[in-house]
Amino acid sequence: MGIVSWIILGLVAGVIAKVLLPGRDPGGLIGTTLIGIAGAFVGGWLSAHFLDRPVQKDFFDLTTWGAAIGGSLVLLIGYRLLFGNSRD
């Protein structure tokens, strides 16, 4: 999978993470999208190094999607803990 595929996967994973964790984030849609892209990379790295489940080279692999969505959820939760949960 190339870098463009990871970016697309991250965009979709960020949207799915946002649906699973609704609420107003300080970064808005663009911040959540960037967190999704970073989460795809972090999830893939964590999966390969700590869970001994290297990410496959296929775009439509369930492990790849699970790692990307999981990484996005972790980063979104961390982002909310650091920067707050709403734009007041």
Protein backbone atom coordinates (compact mmCIF):
# COMPACT_ATOMS: atom_id res chain seq x y z
CA MET A 1 0.00 0.00 0.00
CA GLY A 2 1.38 3.38 -0.97
CA ILE A 3 1.31 6.67 0.87
CA VAL A 4 -1.80 7.85 -1.02
CA SER A 5 -3.66 4.72 0.06
CA TRP A 6 -2.70 5.37 3.69
CA ILE A 7 -3.95 8.95 3.43
CA ILE A 8 -7.27 7.81 1.96
CA LEU A 9 -7.54 5.10 4.61
CA GLY A 10 -6.77 7.70 7.28
CA LEU A 11 -9.44 10.06 6.00
CA VAL A 12 -12.06 7.32 6.13
CA ALA A 13 -10.79 6.06 9.51
CA GLY A 14 -11.01 9.60 10.91
CA VAL A 15 -14.62 9.90 9.78
CA ILE A 16 -15.46 6.51 11.31
CA ALA A 17 -13.73 7.48 14.58
CA LYS A 18 -15.70 10.75 14.59
CA VAL A 19 -18.95 8.80 14.13
CA LEU A 20 -18.01 6.44 16.99
CA LEU A 21 -17.03 9.37 19.24
CA PRO A 22 -19.48 12.15 18.42
CA GLY A 23 -19.04 15.61 19.80
CA ARG A 24 -17.59 18.95 18.90
CA ASP A 25 -13.84 18.84 18.72
CA PRO A 26 -11.65 21.93 19.07
CA GLY A 27 -10.04 21.21 15.68
CA GLY A 28 -13.28 20.74 13.77
CA LEU A 29 -13.49 18.61 10.65
CA ILE A 30 -9.96 19.34 9.43
CA GLY A 31 -8.42 18.51 12.80
CA THR A 32 -10.37 15.26 13.01
CA THR A 33 -9.30 14.36 9.47
CA LEU A 34 -5.63 14.96 10.29
CA ILE A 35 -6.02 12.87 13.43
CA GLY A 36 -7.50 10.12 11.26
CA ILE A 37 -4.52 10.16 8.91
CA ALA A 38 -2.05 10.14 11.81
CA GLY A 39 -4.13 7.43 13.51
CA ALA A 40 -3.83 5.19 10.46
CA PHE A 41 -0.05 5.43 10.64
CA VAL A 42 0.04 4.99 14.44
CA GLY A 43 -2.40 2.07 14.33
CA GLY A 44 -0.39 0.33 11.64
CA TRP A 45 2.84 0.84 13.54
CA LEU A 46 1.37 -0.37 16.85
CA SER A 47 -0.17 -3.38 15.15
CA ALA A 48 3.11 -4.38 13.55
CA HIS A 49 5.39 -3.79 16.54
CA PHE A 50 3.38 -4.64 19.63
CA LEU A 51 0.62 -7.00 18.48
CA ASP A 52 2.85 -8.91 16.05
CA ARG A 53 0.19 -8.40 13.36
CA PRO A 54 1.92 -6.61 10.50
CA VAL A 55 -0.40 -4.64 8.29
CA GLN A 56 -1.02 -6.35 4.99
CA LYS A 57 -0.32 -4.67 1.69
CA ASP A 58 -3.97 -5.00 0.68
CA PHE A 59 -6.15 -1.91 0.98
CA PHE A 60 -9.27 -3.94 1.79
CA ASP A 61 -7.77 -6.06 4.58
CA LEU A 62 -9.83 -6.10 7.78
CA THR A 63 -6.72 -5.94 10.01
CA THR A 64 -5.52 -2.84 8.20
CA TRP A 65 -8.85 -1.09 8.66
CA GLY A 66 -9.09 -2.15 12.30
CA ALA A 67 -5.61 -0.82 13.03
CA ALA A 68 -6.35 2.48 11.30
CA ILE A 69 -9.68 3.00 13.07
CA GLY A 70 -8.21 1.93 16.42
CA GLY A 71 -5.28 4.31 16.02
CA SER A 72 -7.65 7.11 15.08
CA LEU A 73 -9.80 6.47 18.13
CA VAL A 74 -6.75 6.51 20.42
CA LEU A 75 -5.49 9.79 18.97
CA LEU A 76 -8.96 11.38 19.02
CA ILE A 77 -9.42 10.47 22.69
CA GLY A 78 -5.95 11.80 23.49
CA TYR A 79 -6.67 15.00 21.57
CA ARG A 80 -9.88 15.53 23.51
CA LEU A 81 -8.12 14.91 26.80
CA LEU A 82 -5.39 17.44 25.98
CA PHE A 83 -7.40 20.17 24.29
CA GLY A 84 -10.92 19.85 25.66
CA ASN A 85 -14.14 18.38 24.40
CA SER A 86 -15.98 21.38 23.03
CA ARG A 87 -15.55 24.80 21.48
CA ASP A 88 -17.05 27.18 24.03
